[in-house]
Amino acid sequence: MASTMVSAGPTIAAAVFAGHYVLQAMEHMEPQEKQVFRSLPKSAFSGVLLPIKGK
């Protein structure tokens, strides 16, 4: 049981560190993503939601 606790600690720490890194990267990418969506033509989003046939 002690070995499980010892191995769980670094695993949790690595997951927290990775999550923090991803959140930081997303904050920096957000303005770029907004600019990309603004530059796309409106027709790029037409037909995204298709009706389900047979229901």
Protein backbone atom coordinates (compact mmCIF):
# COMPACT_ATOMS: atom_id res chain seq x y z
CA MET A 1 0.00 0.00 0.00
CA ALA A 2 2.86 2.37 0.71
CA SER A 3 4.30 1.82 -2.75
CA THR A 4 0.94 2.75 -4.26
CA MET A 5 0.94 6.02 -2.31
CA VAL A 6 4.52 6.73 -3.36
CA SER A 7 3.72 6.17 -7.04
CA ALA A 8 0.39 8.03 -6.87
CA GLY A 9 2.00 11.24 -5.58
CA PRO A 10 4.25 11.94 -8.58
CA THR A 11 1.50 10.83 -10.96
CA ILE A 12 -0.95 13.34 -9.50
CA ALA A 13 1.72 16.04 -9.51
CA ALA A 14 2.47 15.36 -13.18
CA ALA A 15 -1.24 15.53 -14.05
CA VAL A 16 -1.61 18.86 -12.24
CA PHE A 17 1.48 20.26 -13.94
CA ALA A 18 0.25 19.12 -17.36
CA GLY A 19 -3.20 20.61 -16.73
CA HIS A 20 -1.66 23.91 -15.70
CA TYR A 21 0.49 23.95 -18.83
CA VAL A 22 -2.53 23.24 -21.07
CA LEU A 23 -4.56 26.02 -19.44
CA GLN A 24 -1.71 28.49 -19.90
CA ALA A 25 -1.34 27.52 -23.55
CA MET A 26 -5.08 27.90 -24.13
CA GLU A 27 -5.06 31.44 -22.72
CA HIS A 28 -2.39 32.45 -25.22
CA MET A 29 -4.18 30.80 -28.14
CA GLU A 30 -7.62 32.30 -27.48
CA PRO A 31 -7.08 35.63 -29.30
CA GLN A 32 -5.62 33.78 -32.29
CA GLU A 33 -8.61 31.43 -32.43
CA LYS A 34 -11.05 34.34 -32.37
CA GLN A 35 -9.19 35.99 -35.23
CA VAL A 36 -9.32 32.79 -37.29
CA PHE A 37 -13.08 32.42 -36.79
CA ARG A 38 -13.65 36.07 -37.69
CA SER A 39 -11.68 35.69 -40.91
CA LEU A 40 -13.67 32.64 -42.10
CA PRO A 41 -16.52 33.38 -44.50
CA LYS A 42 -20.03 32.99 -43.09
CA SER A 43 -20.72 30.20 -45.60
CA ALA A 44 -18.11 28.05 -43.83
CA PHE A 45 -20.59 27.53 -40.99
CA SER A 46 -23.68 26.85 -43.07
CA GLY A 47 -24.93 23.27 -43.10
CA VAL A 48 -23.14 22.32 -39.90
CA LEU A 49 -26.32 21.11 -38.24
CA LEU A 50 -27.96 18.63 -40.55
CA PRO A 51 -31.44 17.28 -39.88
CA ILE A 52 -31.60 13.65 -38.81
CA LYS A 53 -33.52 11.65 -41.40
CA GLY A 54 -35.91 8.93 -40.34
CA LYS A 55 -36.87 10.39 -37.00
